[in-house]
Each structure stands twice: as C-alpha cells, then as structure tokens.
Amino acid sequence: MFEDKDVAKDIYELMLEFRIRLSDSVGLVNERCSEEEALRYKKAIGKVLGYMIYEIKEPICERYPELDVEKTTNE
C-alpha cells in the first residue's frame, strides 16, 4: 500500500492503536447506553474495524510482513 516503509509502519501502528481504542469504546457504550444503542454501536464499530483491517492493515502486512506484530507474537 505504501512505498515508504516508515510511513507504512506509522500507519500500521495507528491502526493498532485505533483498534484498541475503538474496542474499548464498546465497553463504555455498554455501560452508559441502552441495549439498543449499544447494539447499533457494536455493529458500526465492527464495520469500521473490518474496513481498517482489510483495506489498510492487511495491504500493509502483505507488502511488509515484518511489521505484522500480531502475527509474529501469535506464532
């Protein structure tokens, strides 16, 4: 996706941070909102995370597999 490996690394790290923060936000919504709102929010976050993973993170990891810390720590 990115010719410059440093840019790819920075974006990859942002994707990891965003994923954590968005996932954490689901807990906040569960605690403070109605069940209906929480369900709608979870679905929306799932779409956002899916897009981030498949359209941004995965192309970066295909080009620079050494950046995929999740894959290297799970093996």
Protein backbone atom coordinates (compact mmCIF):
# COMPACT_ATOMS: atom_id res chain seq x y z
CA MET A 1 0.00 0.00 0.00
CA PHE A 2 2.78 2.46 0.84
CA GLU A 3 6.10 2.71 -0.97
CA ASP A 4 7.76 4.25 2.08
CA LYS A 5 8.20 1.61 4.78
CA ASP A 6 8.40 4.23 7.54
CA VAL A 7 5.01 5.61 6.52
CA ALA A 8 3.60 2.07 6.41
CA LYS A 9 4.96 1.38 9.90
CA ASP A 10 3.49 4.58 11.32
CA ILE A 11 0.08 3.89 9.75
CA TYR A 12 0.18 0.24 10.91
CA GLU A 13 0.85 1.37 14.49
CA LEU A 14 -2.01 3.86 14.28
CA MET A 15 -4.34 1.09 13.11
CA LEU A 16 -3.37 -0.98 16.16
CA GLU A 17 -3.96 1.97 18.48
CA PHE A 18 -7.29 2.84 16.85
CA ARG A 19 -8.44 -0.78 17.07
CA ILE A 20 -7.73 -0.86 20.79
CA ARG A 21 -9.41 2.48 21.44
CA LEU A 22 -12.48 1.64 19.36
CA SER A 23 -12.80 -1.77 21.02
CA ASP A 24 -12.53 -0.14 24.44
CA SER A 25 -15.24 2.33 23.49
CA VAL A 26 -17.72 -0.54 23.16
CA GLY A 27 -17.41 -1.17 26.91
CA LEU A 28 -18.13 2.48 27.62
CA VAL A 29 -21.24 2.41 25.44
CA ASN A 30 -22.38 -0.85 27.05
CA GLU A 31 -22.12 0.76 30.49
CA ARG A 32 -23.80 4.07 29.70
CA CYS A 33 -26.29 3.50 26.90
CA SER A 34 -29.39 1.49 26.23
CA GLU A 35 -29.13 -2.04 24.91
CA GLU A 36 -30.45 -0.87 21.53
CA GLU A 37 -27.88 1.91 21.29
CA ALA A 38 -25.09 -0.44 22.32
CA LEU A 39 -26.07 -2.99 19.69
CA ARG A 40 -26.14 -0.35 16.94
CA TYR A 41 -22.79 0.97 18.11
CA LYS A 42 -21.19 -2.50 18.16
CA LYS A 43 -22.36 -3.11 14.60
CA ALA A 44 -20.98 0.23 13.45
CA ILE A 45 -17.64 -0.35 15.18
CA GLY A 46 -17.46 -3.81 13.62
CA LYS A 47 -17.80 -2.24 10.18
CA VAL A 48 -15.17 0.39 10.93
CA LEU A 49 -12.72 -2.19 12.30
CA GLY A 50 -13.35 -4.54 9.41
CA TYR A 51 -12.64 -1.81 6.91
CA MET A 52 -9.48 -0.75 8.74
CA ILE A 53 -8.20 -4.30 8.90
CA TYR A 54 -8.98 -5.40 5.36
CA GLU A 55 -8.41 -2.16 3.48
CA ILE A 56 -5.46 -0.68 5.38
CA LYS A 57 -3.72 -3.09 7.78
CA GLU A 58 -3.74 -6.21 5.61
CA PRO A 59 -2.34 -4.49 2.49
CA ILE A 60 0.45 -3.04 4.63
CA CYS A 61 1.22 -6.50 6.08
CA GLU A 62 1.21 -8.08 2.64
CA ARG A 63 3.87 -5.65 1.48
CA TYR A 64 5.82 -5.55 4.76
CA PRO A 65 5.11 -8.81 6.65
CA GLU A 66 7.77 -7.98 9.23
CA LEU A 67 5.54 -5.17 10.52
CA ASP A 68 2.76 -7.58 11.48
CA VAL A 69 3.48 -7.80 15.21
CA GLU A 70 0.22 -9.65 15.82
CA LYS A 71 1.23 -12.47 13.50
CA THR A 72 4.74 -12.75 14.92
CA THR A 73 3.52 -12.79 18.53
CA ASN A 74 0.82 -15.40 17.83
CA GLU A 75 3.17 -17.91 16.23
